[in-house]
N, C-alpha and C. Protein backbone atom coordinates (compact mmCIF):
# COMPACT_ATOMS: atom_id res chain seq x y z
N UNK A 1 6.81 29.41 3.32
CA UNK A 1 8.24 29.23 3.59
C UNK A 1 9.64 30.43 3.47
N UNK A 2 8.32 31.21 3.47
CA UNK A 2 9.16 32.00 3.40
C UNK A 2 9.89 33.14 4.97
N UNK A 3 8.77 33.02 5.56
CA UNK A 3 8.66 33.13 6.54
C UNK A 3 9.83 32.15 7.44
N UNK A 4 9.96 31.41 7.13
CA UNK A 4 10.30 30.03 7.75
C UNK A 4 12.34 30.76 8.19
N UNK A 5 12.59 30.13 8.80
CA UNK A 5 14.03 29.69 9.61
C UNK A 5 14.70 29.46 8.01
N UNK A 6 16.07 29.19 7.98
CA UNK A 6 17.25 28.43 7.11
C UNK A 6 17.16 27.21 7.50
N UNK A 7 16.96 26.39 8.49
CA UNK A 7 16.58 25.16 9.07
C UNK A 7 15.50 24.75 8.19
N UNK A 8 14.74 24.94 8.78
CA UNK A 8 13.09 24.26 8.30
C UNK A 8 13.21 24.40 6.65
N UNK A 9 13.75 25.05 6.13
CA UNK A 9 13.57 25.40 4.47
C UNK A 9 14.61 23.88 4.17
N UNK A 10 15.94 23.81 4.59
CA UNK A 10 17.09 23.10 3.80
C UNK A 10 16.23 21.81 5.02
N UNK A 11 16.00 21.71 6.48
CA UNK A 11 15.27 20.47 6.50
C UNK A 11 13.83 19.90 5.37
N UNK A 12 13.05 20.74 5.26
CA UNK A 12 12.32 20.33 4.40
C UNK A 12 12.55 20.11 2.59
N UNK A 13 12.92 20.07 2.29
CA UNK A 13 13.57 19.90 1.20
C UNK A 13 14.32 18.95 0.92
N UNK A 14 15.09 18.27 1.87
CA UNK A 14 15.91 17.15 2.48
C UNK A 14 14.46 16.61 2.50
N UNK A 15 13.44 15.94 3.05
CA UNK A 15 12.57 15.33 3.38
C UNK A 15 12.49 15.39 1.38
N UNK A 16 11.87 16.19 1.03
CA UNK A 16 11.66 16.53 -0.65
C UNK A 16 12.59 15.89 -1.30
N UNK A 17 13.09 15.50 -0.87
CA UNK A 17 14.27 14.97 -2.51
C UNK A 17 14.62 13.51 -1.81
N UNK A 18 14.45 13.62 -0.46
CA UNK A 18 14.68 12.23 0.16
C UNK A 18 13.30 11.19 -0.19
N UNK A 19 12.46 11.79 -0.41
CA UNK A 19 11.19 10.38 0.41
C UNK A 19 10.30 10.83 -1.52
N UNK A 20 9.89 11.44 -2.41
CA UNK A 20 9.63 11.91 -3.30
C UNK A 20 9.69 11.00 -4.60
N UNK A 21 11.48 10.83 -4.89
CA UNK A 21 11.01 9.14 -6.44
C UNK A 21 10.00 8.09 -5.64
N UNK A 22 10.36 7.62 -4.29
CA UNK A 22 8.95 6.98 -3.35
C UNK A 22 8.10 6.72 -3.05
N UNK A 23 7.79 7.91 -3.96
CA UNK A 23 5.87 8.40 -2.98
C UNK A 23 5.76 8.54 -4.59
N UNK A 24 6.98 8.71 -5.57
CA UNK A 24 6.09 8.91 -6.40
C UNK A 24 5.53 6.98 -7.88
N UNK A 25 6.13 6.23 -6.69
CA UNK A 25 6.30 5.21 -7.81
C UNK A 25 5.33 4.10 -7.02
N UNK A 26 5.48 4.76 -5.49
CA UNK A 26 4.31 3.93 -4.44
C UNK A 26 3.00 4.34 -5.30
N UNK A 27 2.32 5.43 -5.45
CA UNK A 27 1.42 6.48 -5.61
C UNK A 27 0.38 6.02 -7.70
N UNK A 28 2.11 5.65 -7.71
CA UNK A 28 2.46 4.31 -9.31
C UNK A 28 1.26 3.50 -9.67
N UNK A 29 1.66 2.78 -8.26
CA UNK A 29 1.18 2.01 -8.37
C UNK A 29 -0.14 1.19 -8.65
N UNK A 30 -0.45 2.33 -6.90
CA UNK A 30 -2.16 2.72 -6.60
C UNK A 30 -2.74 2.61 -8.15
N UNK A 31 -1.83 4.30 -8.94
CA UNK A 31 -3.25 4.70 -9.72
C UNK A 31 -3.28 4.05 -10.68
N UNK A 32 -1.57 3.27 -11.50
CA UNK A 32 -1.50 3.16 -12.47
C UNK A 32 -1.69 4.10 -13.72
N UNK A 33 -1.38 6.15 -13.19
CA UNK A 33 -0.90 6.86 -14.20
C UNK A 33 0.38 7.58 -14.01
N UNK A 34 0.69 7.97 -14.90
CA UNK A 34 2.16 9.06 -14.08
C UNK A 34 1.37 10.29 -13.67
N UNK A 35 0.73 10.51 -14.22
CA UNK A 35 -0.13 11.87 -14.04
C UNK A 35 -1.23 11.90 -13.23
N UNK A 36 -2.16 10.81 -12.98
CA UNK A 36 -2.15 10.44 -11.66
C UNK A 36 -1.32 10.82 -10.12
N UNK A 37 -0.54 10.20 -10.42
CA UNK A 37 1.07 9.90 -8.96
C UNK A 37 0.97 10.92 -9.25
N UNK A 38 1.12 12.31 -9.68
CA UNK A 38 2.11 13.14 -10.05
C UNK A 38 1.26 14.55 -8.81
N UNK A 39 0.20 13.96 -9.77
CA UNK A 39 -0.57 14.61 -9.38
C UNK A 39 -1.27 14.75 -8.01
N UNK A 40 -0.93 13.20 -7.16
CA UNK A 40 -0.90 13.30 -5.91
C UNK A 40 0.34 13.03 -5.05
N UNK A 41 1.15 13.36 -5.57
CA UNK A 41 2.13 13.29 -4.93
C UNK A 41 3.06 14.92 -4.62
N UNK A 42 2.23 15.76 -5.50
CA UNK A 42 2.34 17.24 -5.25
C UNK A 42 1.57 17.52 -4.07
N UNK A 43 0.34 17.08 -4.35
CA UNK A 43 -1.22 16.97 -3.17
C UNK A 43 -0.15 17.07 -1.65
N UNK A 44 0.40 15.31 -1.67
CA UNK A 44 1.04 15.76 -0.45
C UNK A 44 2.11 16.46 0.07
N UNK A 45 3.29 16.36 -0.70
CA UNK A 45 3.92 17.82 -0.49
C UNK A 45 2.96 18.62 -0.06
N UNK A 46 2.46 19.75 -0.33
CA UNK A 46 1.66 20.78 -0.05
C UNK A 46 0.92 20.61 0.78
N UNK A 47 0.42 19.48 1.26
CA UNK A 47 -0.58 19.23 2.31
C UNK A 47 1.18 19.39 3.65
N UNK A 48 2.35 18.85 3.47
CA UNK A 48 3.60 18.62 4.25
C UNK A 48 3.59 19.86 4.60
N UNK A 49 4.36 21.05 3.15
CA UNK A 49 4.79 21.95 3.54
C UNK A 49 3.29 23.04 4.26
N UNK A 50 2.07 22.53 4.75
CA UNK A 50 1.24 23.62 5.26
C UNK A 50 1.48 22.87 6.63
N UNK A 51 1.85 22.25 7.10
CA UNK A 51 2.24 20.96 8.04
C UNK A 51 3.25 21.14 8.71
N UNK A 52 4.87 21.12 7.75
CA UNK A 52 5.89 21.49 7.99
C UNK A 52 7.09 22.17 9.60
N UNK A 53 6.57 22.96 10.53
CA UNK A 53 6.72 23.15 11.39
C UNK A 53 6.44 22.40 11.88
N UNK A 54 4.85 22.59 12.38
CA UNK A 54 4.76 20.53 13.18
C UNK A 54 5.22 19.92 13.49
N UNK A 55 5.25 19.49 11.58
CA UNK A 55 5.50 18.14 11.88
C UNK A 55 6.84 18.02 12.37
N UNK A 56 7.53 18.97 12.27
CA UNK A 56 9.48 19.68 12.69
C UNK A 56 9.36 18.91 14.55
N UNK A 57 8.58 18.99 15.17
CA UNK A 57 8.69 18.14 16.73
C UNK A 57 7.80 16.97 16.40
N UNK A 58 7.61 16.77 15.82
CA UNK A 58 6.74 15.59 16.32
C UNK A 58 7.73 14.63 16.69
N UNK A 59 7.54 12.89 17.37
CA UNK A 59 8.55 11.55 16.94
C UNK A 59 8.51 10.42 16.14
N UNK A 60 7.65 10.92 15.40
CA UNK A 60 7.41 10.02 13.92
C UNK A 60 7.43 10.91 12.48
N UNK A 61 7.73 11.46 12.15
CA UNK A 61 7.34 12.44 10.84
C UNK A 61 7.13 12.03 9.93
N UNK A 62 7.91 10.73 9.38
CA UNK A 62 7.91 9.80 8.40
C UNK A 62 6.70 8.82 8.05
N UNK A 63 6.07 8.54 9.27
CA UNK A 63 4.32 8.01 9.72
C UNK A 63 3.45 9.07 9.62
N UNK A 64 3.29 10.49 10.41
CA UNK A 64 2.16 11.63 9.15
C UNK A 64 2.32 11.80 8.44
N UNK A 65 3.09 11.81 7.80
CA UNK A 65 3.86 11.77 6.39
C UNK A 65 2.98 11.01 4.96
N UNK A 66 3.66 9.76 5.62
CA UNK A 66 2.51 8.27 4.91
C UNK A 66 1.70 8.58 4.91
N UNK A 67 0.80 8.82 5.99
CA UNK A 67 -1.06 9.37 6.66
C UNK A 67 -0.91 9.96 5.47
N UNK A 68 -0.37 11.54 5.17
CA UNK A 68 -1.35 11.96 3.88
C UNK A 68 -0.61 11.40 3.12
N UNK A 69 0.48 10.87 2.17
CA UNK A 69 0.05 10.88 1.06
C UNK A 69 -1.02 9.23 0.21
N UNK A 70 -0.97 8.87 2.19
CA UNK A 70 -2.06 8.18 1.18
C UNK A 70 -3.63 8.08 1.84
N UNK A 71 -3.58 9.74 2.14
CA UNK A 71 -5.16 10.00 1.72
C UNK A 71 -5.27 10.78 0.61
N UNK A 72 -4.32 11.12 0.40
CA UNK A 72 -4.61 11.70 -1.72
C UNK A 72 -4.19 11.47 -2.16
N UNK A 73 -4.04 9.50 -2.15
CA UNK A 73 -4.00 8.66 -2.99
C UNK A 73 -5.66 8.22 -3.14
N UNK A 74 -5.89 8.44 -1.51
CA UNK A 74 -7.61 7.89 -1.79
C UNK A 74 -8.60 8.39 -2.83
N UNK A 75 -8.08 9.87 -1.80
CA UNK A 75 -8.82 10.97 -2.41
C UNK A 75 -8.55 11.28 -4.87
N UNK A 76 -7.66 10.37 -4.67
CA UNK A 76 -7.59 10.57 -5.95
C UNK A 76 -8.85 9.30 -6.88
N UNK A 77 -8.39 8.35 -5.84
CA UNK A 77 -8.71 6.80 -6.70
C UNK A 77 -9.99 7.19 -5.72
N UNK A 78 -11.13 8.55 -6.00
CA UNK A 78 -12.78 8.49 -5.51
C UNK A 78 -12.73 9.47 -5.85
N UNK A 79 -11.78 10.41 -6.52
CA UNK A 79 -12.02 11.46 -7.89
C UNK A 79 -12.65 12.56 -7.17
N UNK A 80 -12.28 12.25 -6.29
CA UNK A 80 -11.86 13.94 -5.28
C UNK A 80 -10.79 14.99 -5.82
N UNK A 81 -10.04 14.08 -6.86
CA UNK A 81 -8.55 15.10 -6.60
C UNK A 81 -8.91 15.19 -8.13
N UNK A 82 -9.24 14.78 -9.17
CA UNK A 82 -9.21 15.20 -10.18
C UNK A 82 -8.67 13.49 -11.16
N UNK A 83 -9.06 12.75 -9.88
CA UNK A 83 -8.59 11.56 -11.22
C UNK A 83 -9.63 10.61 -10.83
N UNK A 84 -9.93 10.66 -12.04
CA UNK A 84 -11.21 9.59 -11.68
C UNK A 84 -12.48 9.55 -12.05
N UNK A 85 -12.90 10.89 -11.62
CA UNK A 85 -14.52 11.10 -11.22
C UNK A 85 -14.76 12.59 -11.43
N UNK A 86 -15.69 12.82 -10.51
CA UNK A 86 -15.87 14.79 -10.02
C UNK A 86 -15.69 14.77 -8.87
N UNK A 87 -16.36 15.33 -8.22
CA UNK A 87 -16.19 15.61 -6.48
C UNK A 87 -17.62 15.19 -6.60
N UNK A 88 -18.75 14.91 -5.65
CA UNK A 88 -20.00 14.46 -5.80
C UNK A 88 -20.57 13.55 -6.99
N UNK A 89 -19.64 13.87 -7.32
CA UNK A 89 -20.54 12.05 -8.93
C UNK A 89 -20.14 11.65 -8.53
N UNK A 90 -19.86 10.21 -9.21
CA UNK A 90 -20.16 8.35 -8.65
C UNK A 90 -18.80 7.98 -8.77
N UNK A 91 -19.48 7.41 -7.80
CA UNK A 91 -17.32 6.79 -6.71
C UNK A 91 -16.98 6.46 -8.19
N UNK A 92 -14.70 6.44 -8.59
CA UNK A 92 -14.39 5.99 -9.21
C UNK A 92 -14.26 5.03 -9.59
N UNK A 93 -13.56 4.38 -10.44
CA UNK A 93 -13.06 3.49 -11.23
C UNK A 93 -11.99 2.55 -10.61
N UNK A 94 -12.02 1.78 -9.27
CA UNK A 94 -10.21 1.47 -8.95
C UNK A 94 -9.45 1.21 -10.23
N UNK A 95 -8.49 2.06 -10.74
CA UNK A 95 -7.35 1.63 -11.53
C UNK A 95 -7.39 0.01 -11.72
N UNK A 96 -6.86 -0.31 -13.19
CA UNK A 96 -6.71 -1.39 -12.84
C UNK A 96 -5.61 -1.72 -12.94
N UNK A 97 -4.67 -3.19 -12.90
CA UNK A 97 -3.47 -3.46 -12.13
C UNK A 97 -3.02 -3.31 -13.77
N UNK A 98 -1.71 -2.78 -13.17
CA UNK A 98 -0.41 -2.35 -14.25
C UNK A 98 1.28 -2.65 -14.77
N UNK A 99 0.73 -3.06 -15.52
CA UNK A 99 2.15 -4.36 -15.31
C UNK A 99 3.26 -3.82 -14.18
N UNK A 100 3.68 -3.30 -13.24
CA UNK A 100 4.73 -2.97 -12.65
C UNK A 100 3.12 -3.30 -11.56
N UNK A 101 2.17 -3.36 -11.32
CA UNK A 101 1.95 -4.07 -10.39
C UNK A 101 2.02 -5.73 -10.31
N UNK A 102 1.39 -6.11 -11.56
CA UNK A 102 1.58 -8.14 -11.20
C UNK A 102 3.07 -8.28 -11.20
N UNK A 103 3.62 -7.78 -11.33
CA UNK A 103 5.44 -8.16 -11.71
C UNK A 103 5.82 -7.52 -10.19
N UNK A 104 5.05 -6.53 -9.06
CA UNK A 104 5.06 -6.81 -7.56
C UNK A 104 4.58 -8.29 -7.64
N UNK A 105 3.34 -8.54 -7.33
CA UNK A 105 2.60 -9.51 -7.33
C UNK A 105 3.99 -11.43 -7.00
N UNK A 106 4.71 -11.64 -8.66
CA UNK A 106 4.36 -12.23 -8.83
C UNK A 106 5.84 -12.23 -8.15
N UNK A 107 6.67 -11.50 -7.03
CA UNK A 107 7.80 -11.10 -6.77
C UNK A 107 7.55 -11.87 -5.34
N UNK A 108 6.02 -11.35 -4.98
CA UNK A 108 6.34 -11.66 -3.99
C UNK A 108 5.72 -13.36 -3.48
N UNK A 109 4.46 -13.55 -4.34
CA UNK A 109 4.36 -14.89 -4.88
C UNK A 109 5.82 -16.49 -4.46
N UNK A 110 6.30 -15.21 -5.49
CA UNK A 110 8.18 -16.77 -5.59
C UNK A 110 8.12 -17.55 -4.76
N UNK A 111 7.78 -15.95 -2.99
CA UNK A 111 8.27 -16.33 -2.20
C UNK A 111 7.07 -16.98 -0.55
N UNK A 112 5.84 -16.66 -1.58
CA UNK A 112 5.01 -17.61 -0.32
C UNK A 112 4.76 -18.92 -0.98
N UNK A 113 4.63 -19.14 -2.78
CA UNK A 113 4.55 -20.57 -2.68
C UNK A 113 5.75 -20.79 -3.26
N UNK A 114 6.79 -21.24 -3.18
CA UNK A 114 8.35 -21.48 -4.07
C UNK A 114 7.87 -22.59 -4.01
N UNK A 115 7.06 -23.31 -3.68
CA UNK A 115 7.15 -25.05 -4.49
C UNK A 115 5.85 -25.03 -6.08
N UNK A 116 5.14 -24.35 -5.16
CA UNK A 116 4.40 -23.96 -7.06
C UNK A 116 4.93 -23.30 -7.93
N UNK A 117 5.55 -22.81 -8.00
CA UNK A 117 5.56 -21.21 -9.48
C UNK A 117 4.74 -21.42 -10.40
N UNK A 118 5.29 -22.09 -10.91
CA UNK A 118 5.20 -22.33 -12.59
C UNK A 118 4.09 -22.40 -12.23
N UNK A 119 2.70 -23.32 -12.27
CA UNK A 119 1.41 -23.31 -11.39
C UNK A 119 1.14 -21.38 -11.13
N UNK A 120 1.15 -21.26 -11.10
CA UNK A 120 0.24 -20.79 -9.55
C UNK A 120 1.08 -18.75 -10.65
N UNK A 121 2.17 -18.48 -10.94
CA UNK A 121 2.64 -17.50 -11.70
C UNK A 121 1.02 -17.64 -13.13
N UNK A 122 0.06 -18.24 -12.74
CA UNK A 122 -0.21 -18.33 -14.18
C UNK A 122 -1.27 -17.83 -14.12
N UNK A 123 -1.72 -17.40 -12.76
CA UNK A 123 -2.68 -17.40 -12.73
C UNK A 123 -2.65 -15.64 -11.93
N UNK A 124 -2.09 -14.68 -12.58
CA UNK A 124 -1.78 -13.17 -12.02
C UNK A 124 -2.57 -12.44 -11.57
N UNK A 125 -3.84 -12.50 -11.31
CA UNK A 125 -5.46 -11.78 -11.44
C UNK A 125 -5.14 -12.61 -10.75
N UNK A 126 -5.94 -13.73 -10.11
CA UNK A 126 -5.96 -14.51 -9.03
C UNK A 126 -5.82 -13.31 -7.54
N UNK A 127 -4.09 -14.16 -7.61
CA UNK A 127 -3.09 -12.61 -6.44
C UNK A 127 -3.38 -11.43 -6.44
N UNK A 128 -3.58 -11.21 -7.29
CA UNK A 128 -3.71 -9.43 -7.21
C UNK A 128 -4.81 -9.65 -5.87
N UNK A 129 -6.10 -9.94 -6.41
CA UNK A 129 -6.94 -10.03 -5.15
C UNK A 129 -6.76 -10.55 -4.73
N UNK A 130 -6.39 -11.28 -3.59
CA UNK A 130 -5.54 -11.77 -2.90
C UNK A 130 -4.83 -10.42 -2.34
N UNK A 131 -3.78 -9.98 -2.69
CA UNK A 131 -3.83 -8.50 -2.48
C UNK A 131 -4.68 -7.62 -1.75
N UNK A 132 -4.56 -7.69 -2.54
CA UNK A 132 -5.70 -6.10 -2.26
C UNK A 132 -6.87 -6.46 -1.68
N UNK A 133 -6.37 -7.86 -0.47
CA UNK A 133 -7.71 -8.74 0.32
C UNK A 133 -7.16 -8.01 1.00
N UNK A 134 -6.09 -7.58 1.59
CA UNK A 134 -4.85 -7.59 2.96
C UNK A 134 -5.21 -6.36 3.72
N UNK A 135 -4.69 -6.57 4.28
CA UNK A 135 -4.94 -5.33 5.35
C UNK A 135 -3.98 -4.38 5.69
N UNK A 136 -4.51 -2.93 5.50
CA UNK A 136 -3.85 -2.01 4.48
C UNK A 136 -1.96 -1.62 4.87
N UNK A 137 -1.93 -1.75 5.96
CA UNK A 137 0.08 -2.66 6.53
C UNK A 137 0.59 -2.89 5.75
N UNK A 138 0.14 -4.45 5.83
CA UNK A 138 0.35 -5.87 5.18
C UNK A 138 1.00 -5.42 3.34
N UNK A 139 -0.37 -4.75 2.50
CA UNK A 139 -0.32 -4.66 1.25
C UNK A 139 0.72 -3.17 0.51
N UNK A 140 0.82 -2.80 1.76
CA UNK A 140 1.61 -1.46 1.65
C UNK A 140 3.43 -1.74 1.24
N UNK A 141 3.91 -2.53 3.23
CA UNK A 141 4.57 -3.26 3.13
C UNK A 141 4.45 -3.72 1.51
N UNK A 142 4.13 -5.01 1.08
CA UNK A 142 3.90 -5.86 0.22
C UNK A 142 5.11 -5.24 -1.03
N UNK A 143 3.60 -4.20 -1.25
CA UNK A 143 4.48 -3.11 -2.48
C UNK A 143 4.94 -2.19 -2.47
N UNK A 144 5.49 -2.13 -1.08
CA UNK A 144 7.03 -1.69 -1.35
C UNK A 144 8.41 -2.57 -1.19
N UNK A 145 8.04 -3.60 -0.72
CA UNK A 145 9.15 -4.32 -0.12
C UNK A 145 9.44 -5.08 -1.81
N UNK A 146 8.41 -5.07 -2.54
CA UNK A 146 8.41 -6.74 -4.30
C UNK A 146 7.68 -5.46 -5.67
N UNK A 147 7.39 -4.32 -5.65
CA UNK A 147 6.95 -3.66 -6.24
C UNK A 147 7.66 -2.64 -6.42
N UNK A 148 8.61 -1.64 -5.24
CA UNK A 148 9.37 -0.73 -5.01
C UNK A 148 10.66 -1.19 -5.71
N UNK A 149 11.16 -2.62 -4.49
CA UNK A 149 12.50 -3.21 -4.40
C UNK A 149 13.38 -2.46 -2.58
N UNK A 150 12.54 -2.30 -1.51
CA UNK A 150 12.72 -2.27 -1.28
C UNK A 150 13.03 -2.70 0.14
N UNK A 151 14.40 -3.32 -0.18
CA UNK A 151 14.73 -3.63 1.64
C UNK A 151 13.65 -3.40 3.30
N UNK A 152 13.21 -4.54 3.66
CA UNK A 152 12.19 -4.26 5.09
C UNK A 152 13.05 -2.68 5.99
N UNK A 153 14.12 -2.29 5.34
CA UNK A 153 15.02 -1.11 6.13
C UNK A 153 14.15 -0.43 5.65
N UNK A 154 14.28 0.38 4.17
CA UNK A 154 13.99 1.38 3.21
C UNK A 154 12.05 0.82 3.31
N UNK A 155 11.74 0.38 3.47
CA UNK A 155 10.06 0.12 3.98
C UNK A 155 9.18 0.78 4.59
N UNK A 156 10.88 0.31 5.87
CA UNK A 156 10.08 1.05 6.75
C UNK A 156 10.50 2.17 7.16
N UNK A 157 11.54 2.62 6.61
CA UNK A 157 12.28 4.54 6.38
C UNK A 157 10.81 5.23 5.96
N UNK A 158 10.10 4.66 4.48
CA UNK A 158 9.35 4.70 3.74
C UNK A 158 7.49 5.31 4.53
N UNK A 159 7.51 5.01 5.20
CA UNK A 159 6.40 3.93 6.21
C UNK A 159 6.83 4.58 7.49
N UNK A 160 7.51 4.75 8.32
CA UNK A 160 7.53 5.94 9.10
C UNK A 160 7.63 4.35 10.57
N UNK A 161 7.53 4.11 10.37
CA UNK A 161 7.47 2.38 10.97
C UNK A 161 9.41 1.46 11.39
N UNK A 162 9.46 0.90 12.07
CA UNK A 162 9.73 0.21 12.34
C UNK A 162 10.77 -1.09 12.09
N UNK A 163 11.56 -1.41 11.29
CA UNK A 163 12.26 -2.58 10.09
C UNK A 163 10.99 -3.90 11.03
N UNK A 164 11.48 -4.24 12.03
CA UNK A 164 10.49 -5.30 12.60
C UNK A 164 9.27 -5.52 12.54
N UNK A 165 8.76 -3.94 12.86
CA UNK A 165 7.54 -3.86 11.92
C UNK A 165 7.44 -4.78 11.22
N UNK A 166 7.40 -3.90 9.80
CA UNK A 166 7.89 -4.05 8.76
C UNK A 166 7.97 -5.91 8.25
N UNK A 167 8.71 -5.99 9.24
CA UNK A 167 8.87 -7.51 8.52
C UNK A 167 8.21 -8.98 9.47
N UNK A 168 7.29 -7.63 9.77
CA UNK A 168 6.63 -8.67 10.50
C UNK A 168 5.23 -9.27 9.85
N UNK A 169 4.64 -7.42 9.24
CA UNK A 169 4.21 -7.11 9.16
C UNK A 169 4.08 -8.05 6.76
N UNK A 170 5.62 -8.31 6.73
CA UNK A 170 5.48 -9.32 5.71
C UNK A 170 5.59 -10.18 5.14
N UNK A 171 6.15 -11.12 7.27
CA UNK A 171 5.26 -12.55 6.91
C UNK A 171 4.00 -12.87 7.69
N UNK A 172 3.28 -11.53 8.15
CA UNK A 172 1.63 -11.93 8.22
C UNK A 172 1.35 -12.34 6.96
N UNK A 173 1.81 -11.17 5.35
CA UNK A 173 1.38 -10.85 4.11
C UNK A 173 1.21 -12.13 3.69
N UNK A 174 2.70 -13.11 3.44
CA UNK A 174 3.28 -14.10 3.57
C UNK A 174 1.52 -15.37 3.64
N UNK A 175 1.43 -15.28 4.96
CA UNK A 175 1.06 -16.20 5.79
C UNK A 175 -0.50 -16.44 5.41
N UNK A 176 -1.32 -15.41 5.17
CA UNK A 176 -2.48 -14.43 4.59
C UNK A 176 -3.39 -14.73 3.05
N UNK A 177 -1.59 -14.82 2.30
CA UNK A 177 -2.02 -15.28 1.29
C UNK A 177 -2.34 -16.46 0.89
N UNK A 178 -1.12 -16.81 1.57
CA UNK A 178 -1.18 -18.04 1.93
C UNK A 178 -2.48 -18.99 2.33
N UNK A 179 -3.00 -18.64 2.81
CA UNK A 179 -3.98 -19.16 2.90
C UNK A 179 -5.46 -19.35 2.04
N UNK A 180 -5.61 -17.42 1.54
CA UNK A 180 -6.50 -17.35 0.49
C UNK A 180 -6.24 -17.58 -0.88
N UNK A 181 -4.94 -17.97 -1.19
CA UNK A 181 -4.72 -18.98 -2.33
C UNK A 181 -5.26 -20.13 -2.40
N UNK A 182 -4.99 -21.46 -1.00
CA UNK A 182 -5.13 -22.78 -0.65
C UNK A 182 -6.61 -22.07 -1.35
N UNK A 183 -6.93 -21.76 -0.14
CA UNK A 183 -8.81 -21.61 -0.83
C UNK A 183 -9.22 -20.76 -1.49
N UNK A 184 -9.02 -19.83 -2.26
CA UNK A 184 -9.16 -20.85 -4.10
C UNK A 184 -8.98 -21.42 -4.31
N UNK A 185 -7.97 -22.23 -4.54
CA UNK A 185 -7.77 -23.48 -5.05
C UNK A 185 -8.45 -24.10 -5.30
N UNK A 186 -8.90 -24.53 -4.00
CA UNK A 186 -10.21 -25.93 -3.83
C UNK A 186 -11.58 -25.76 -4.90
N UNK A 187 -11.60 -27.22 -5.52
CA UNK A 187 -12.61 -27.48 -6.17
C UNK A 187 -13.80 -27.39 -5.20
N UNK A 188 -15.25 -25.88 -5.59
CA UNK A 188 -16.40 -26.04 -4.84
C UNK A 188 -16.59 -27.51 -5.30
N UNK A 189 -17.81 -27.71 -4.57
CA UNK A 189 -18.44 -28.41 -3.69
C UNK A 189 -19.65 -28.69 -5.23
N UNK A 190 -20.03 -29.46 -4.51
CA UNK A 190 -21.87 -29.52 -5.11
C UNK A 190 -22.79 -28.73 -4.43
N UNK A 191 -23.14 -28.67 -3.62
CA UNK A 191 -23.63 -27.33 -3.30
C UNK A 191 -23.39 -26.04 -3.60
N UNK A 192 -21.99 -25.34 -3.42
CA UNK A 192 -21.23 -24.23 -3.86
C UNK A 192 -21.44 -24.65 -6.06
N UNK A 193 -21.60 -25.52 -5.78
CA UNK A 193 -21.34 -24.78 -8.09
C UNK A 193 -23.12 -25.28 -8.18
N UNK A 194 -23.64 -24.55 -7.82
CA UNK A 194 -24.98 -24.80 -7.62
C UNK A 194 -25.33 -23.04 -6.84
N UNK A 195 -24.83 -23.19 -6.47
CA UNK A 195 -25.28 -21.55 -5.72
C UNK A 195 -25.58 -21.86 -4.53
N UNK A 196 -26.40 -23.23 -4.44
CA UNK A 196 -27.52 -23.17 -2.49
C UNK A 196 -26.29 -23.21 -1.05
N UNK A 197 -24.38 -22.88 -1.34
CA UNK A 197 -24.19 -23.33 -0.58
C UNK A 197 -23.25 -22.35 -0.88
N UNK A 198 -22.40 -20.51 0.39
CA UNK A 198 -21.83 -20.17 0.34
C UNK A 198 -20.65 -20.15 0.49
N UNK A 199 -19.31 -20.69 0.29
CA UNK A 199 -17.70 -21.47 0.73
C UNK A 199 -17.70 -19.58 1.66
N UNK A 200 -16.43 -20.34 2.91
CA UNK A 200 -16.04 -19.23 3.88
C UNK A 200 -15.49 -17.79 2.73
N UNK A 201 -15.42 -16.35 3.17
CA UNK A 201 -14.61 -15.81 2.93
C UNK A 201 -13.37 -15.93 3.78
N UNK A 202 -11.86 -16.89 3.49
CA UNK A 202 -10.61 -16.52 4.59
C UNK A 202 -10.83 -15.43 5.09
N UNK A 203 -10.89 -14.31 4.71
CA UNK A 203 -9.96 -12.62 4.81
C UNK A 203 -10.98 -12.13 5.69
N UNK A 204 -11.94 -12.77 5.80
CA UNK A 204 -13.48 -12.59 7.09
C UNK A 204 -12.33 -12.75 8.62
N UNK A 205 -12.21 -13.83 8.75
CA UNK A 205 -12.01 -14.56 10.43
C UNK A 205 -10.66 -13.48 10.45
N UNK A 206 -10.49 -12.84 10.95
CA UNK A 206 -10.06 -11.39 11.62
C UNK A 206 -8.50 -11.99 12.32
N UNK A 207 -7.69 -12.72 11.85
CA UNK A 207 -6.17 -13.49 12.14
C UNK A 207 -5.45 -12.65 13.81
N UNK A 208 -5.56 -13.47 14.83
CA UNK A 208 -4.43 -12.69 15.29
C UNK A 208 -3.30 -11.98 15.45
N UNK A 209 -2.68 -12.47 14.34
CA UNK A 209 -1.31 -11.97 13.99
C UNK A 209 -1.36 -10.45 13.51
N UNK A 210 -2.88 -9.94 13.11
CA UNK A 210 -2.85 -9.09 12.16
C UNK A 210 -3.47 -7.54 13.26
N UNK A 211 -3.29 -8.43 14.51
CA UNK A 211 -3.35 -6.21 15.68
C UNK A 211 -2.84 -5.30 16.07
N UNK A 212 -3.56 -3.97 15.63
CA UNK A 212 -3.27 -3.24 15.52
C UNK A 212 -1.49 -3.19 16.13
N UNK A 213 -0.33 -3.11 14.62
CA UNK A 213 0.31 -1.81 16.13
C UNK A 213 0.76 -0.70 16.63
N UNK A 214 1.19 -0.79 17.54
CA UNK A 214 0.55 1.42 17.99
C UNK A 214 2.48 1.20 17.35
N UNK A 215 3.16 1.23 16.91
CA UNK A 215 3.71 1.79 16.21
C UNK A 215 3.15 2.31 14.89
N UNK A 216 1.88 1.90 14.43
CA UNK A 216 1.90 2.27 13.08
C UNK A 216 1.77 4.08 13.14
N UNK A 217 1.11 4.18 14.34
CA UNK A 217 0.30 5.38 15.05
C UNK A 217 1.40 6.89 15.30
N UNK A 218 1.07 7.57 13.52
CA UNK A 218 2.20 8.95 13.86
C UNK A 218 1.34 9.53 15.09
N UNK A 219 2.96 10.60 16.03
CA UNK A 219 2.13 11.13 17.32
C UNK A 219 2.35 12.62 16.64
N UNK A 220 0.76 13.05 17.03
CA UNK A 220 1.27 14.73 16.39
C UNK A 220 1.87 15.44 18.13
């Protein structure tokens, strides 16, 4: 960095100051530990610093930075970054949902099933499982919107996509969650109870509305 021109240095530290708080909160939602979140975010900004001069020429700098953060989180969850395991050892066990995670999912659920709030909010683990099965971008949008209390515009800025994309992802997430929760709440039939038949996984069939958005791929 000492070889950078002043404008590049100022732009990097401005980005660091602007994004670090939201990156830390998002990392905590994923990892459930302040120390693990800090390690992941520090590693993220180390990588961003190494790429910064090239990133300054990208059309979607924020989107590229977001992909770096997501990879550092995967590294921690897989035990490659000092979190939950050893390099070359068995896979790390994912962190259990913390209080902040549960609050995020409950907030989202109020919009998904407003007519059955009292009933469904008592089954937070079922909802947590459903959220974990969302497409990655939908899950990110839900966590940013409800876990971090971002507006759709703020979530879009952090993810490096258009606000319309985030609103679309949230809408898709709400519809898919409603379907999964409806399916999981249905009582099992006789064949299902004795194990002779398996119920179809509502997450297994692709949703036409969930086709990849071309705006989500960072341009290098």
